[in-house]
Amino acid sequence: MSVQKAIDLSGSGETIQDAVSEALDRARETLEGITRFEVKDITGIVDGPHTAYQVEIRVWFTVLERMHG
């Protein structure tokens, strides 16, 4: 039996996909066992001709069992 934990993260990028990828890539640096994610919110920032996207995602991962001795 496994236990799942979820955390909320945000990422930004020139596209929505870039923003999601940024958040997931950062999560992979410190979390093991990521199993899924959900996009909770998408917002955009317009600065003249430039558009940027920010996403909030919830990432689920398996809590690893470690034996301490």
C-alpha atoms as a PDB file:
ATOM      1  CA  MET A   1       0.000   0.000   0.000  1.00  0.00           C
ATOM      2  CA  SER A   2       1.357   3.428  -0.873  1.00  0.00           C
ATOM      3  CA  VAL A   3       0.701   6.864   0.541  1.00  0.00           C
ATOM      4  CA  GLN A   4       0.352   9.871  -1.754  1.00  0.00           C
ATOM      5  CA  LYS A   5       1.103  13.461  -0.850  1.00  0.00           C
ATOM      6  CA  ALA A   6       0.279  16.599  -2.862  1.00  0.00           C
ATOM      7  CA  ILE A   7       1.931  20.007  -3.027  1.00  0.00           C
ATOM      8  CA  ASP A   8       1.005  23.158  -4.928  1.00  0.00           C
ATOM      9  CA  LEU A   9       3.571  24.819  -7.186  1.00  0.00           C
ATOM     10  CA  SER A  10       3.658  27.616  -9.730  1.00  0.00           C
ATOM     11  CA  GLY A  11       5.626  28.111 -12.911  1.00  0.00           C
ATOM     12  CA  SER A  12       5.826  30.678 -15.665  1.00  0.00           C
ATOM     13  CA  GLY A  13       6.759  30.683 -19.325  1.00  0.00           C
ATOM     14  CA  GLU A  14       6.080  32.001 -22.808  1.00  0.00           C
ATOM     15  CA  THR A  15       3.450  29.274 -23.305  1.00  0.00           C
ATOM     16  CA  ILE A  16       1.177  27.380 -20.941  1.00  0.00           C
ATOM     17  CA  GLN A  17       3.117  24.196 -21.686  1.00  0.00           C
ATOM     18  CA  ASP A  18       6.411  25.954 -20.850  1.00  0.00           C
ATOM     19  CA  ALA A  19       4.951  27.154 -17.551  1.00  0.00           C
ATOM     20  CA  VAL A  20       3.768  23.649 -16.590  1.00  0.00           C
ATOM     21  CA  SER A  21       7.099  22.135 -17.649  1.00  0.00           C
ATOM     22  CA  GLU A  22       9.026  24.651 -15.545  1.00  0.00           C
ATOM     23  CA  ALA A  23       7.032  23.782 -12.429  1.00  0.00           C
ATOM     24  CA  LEU A  24       7.338  20.014 -13.026  1.00  0.00           C
ATOM     25  CA  ASP A  25      11.064  20.218 -13.806  1.00  0.00           C
ATOM     26  CA  ARG A  26      11.689  22.057 -10.542  1.00  0.00           C
ATOM     27  CA  ALA A  27       9.598  19.496  -8.647  1.00  0.00           C
ATOM     28  CA  ARG A  28      11.615  16.627 -10.160  1.00  0.00           C
ATOM     29  CA  GLU A  29      14.813  18.164  -8.740  1.00  0.00           C
ATOM     30  CA  THR A  30      13.703  17.441  -5.169  1.00  0.00           C
ATOM     31  CA  LEU A  31      10.808  14.961  -5.305  1.00  0.00           C
ATOM     32  CA  GLU A  32      10.886  11.281  -6.169  1.00  0.00           C
ATOM     33  CA  GLY A  33       7.884   9.252  -7.249  1.00  0.00           C
ATOM     34  CA  ILE A  34       5.802  11.965  -8.935  1.00  0.00           C
ATOM     35  CA  THR A  35       2.672  10.246 -10.217  1.00  0.00           C
ATOM     36  CA  ARG A  36       0.417  12.983 -11.589  1.00  0.00           C
ATOM     37  CA  PHE A  37      -0.392  16.672 -11.665  1.00  0.00           C
ATOM     38  CA  GLU A  38      -3.422  18.905 -12.048  1.00  0.00           C
ATOM     39  CA  VAL A  39      -3.481  22.434 -13.461  1.00  0.00           C
ATOM     40  CA  LYS A  40      -5.364  24.483 -10.859  1.00  0.00           C
ATOM     41  CA  ASP A  41      -5.148  27.957 -12.425  1.00  0.00           C
ATOM     42  CA  ILE A  42      -3.815  29.690 -15.531  1.00  0.00           C
ATOM     43  CA  THR A  43      -3.184  33.424 -15.701  1.00  0.00           C
ATOM     44  CA  GLY A  44      -1.520  35.625 -18.272  1.00  0.00           C
ATOM     45  CA  ILE A  45       0.528  38.782 -18.160  1.00  0.00           C
ATOM     46  CA  VAL A  46       0.575  41.162 -21.111  1.00  0.00           C
ATOM     47  CA  ASP A  47       3.428  43.653 -21.373  1.00  0.00           C
ATOM     48  CA  GLY A  48       3.065  45.445 -24.690  1.00  0.00           C
ATOM     49  CA  PRO A  49       3.701  42.873 -27.424  1.00  0.00           C
ATOM     50  CA  HIS A  50       4.901  40.236 -24.935  1.00  0.00           C
ATOM     51  CA  THR A  51       2.696  37.658 -23.263  1.00  0.00           C
ATOM     52  CA  ALA A  52       3.707  35.388 -20.388  1.00  0.00           C
ATOM     53  CA  TYR A  53       1.711  32.675 -18.664  1.00  0.00           C
ATOM     54  CA  GLN A  54       1.690  31.592 -15.045  1.00  0.00           C
ATOM     55  CA  VAL A  55       0.189  28.305 -13.903  1.00  0.00           C
ATOM     56  CA  GLU A  56      -0.562  26.892 -10.508  1.00  0.00           C
ATOM     57  CA  ILE A  57      -0.351  23.103 -10.404  1.00  0.00           C
ATOM     58  CA  ARG A  58      -0.898  20.446  -7.771  1.00  0.00           C
ATOM     59  CA  VAL A  59       1.656  17.625  -7.932  1.00  0.00           C
ATOM     60  CA  TRP A  60       1.084  14.214  -6.333  1.00  0.00           C
ATOM     61  CA  PHE A  61       3.945  11.941  -5.378  1.00  0.00           C
ATOM     62  CA  THR A  62       4.380   8.673  -3.511  1.00  0.00           C
ATOM     63  CA  VAL A  63       5.777   8.959  -0.005  1.00  0.00           C
ATOM     64  CA  LEU A  64       8.755   6.621   0.106  1.00  0.00           C
ATOM     65  CA  GLU A  65       9.152   4.212   2.985  1.00  0.00           C
ATOM     66  CA  ARG A  66      12.593   4.360   4.504  1.00  0.00           C
ATOM     67  CA  MET A  67      13.900   2.079   7.190  1.00  0.00           C
ATOM     68  CA  HIS A  68      15.902   3.782   9.912  1.00  0.00           C
ATOM     69  CA  GLY A  69      18.363   1.696  11.788  1.00  0.00           C
END
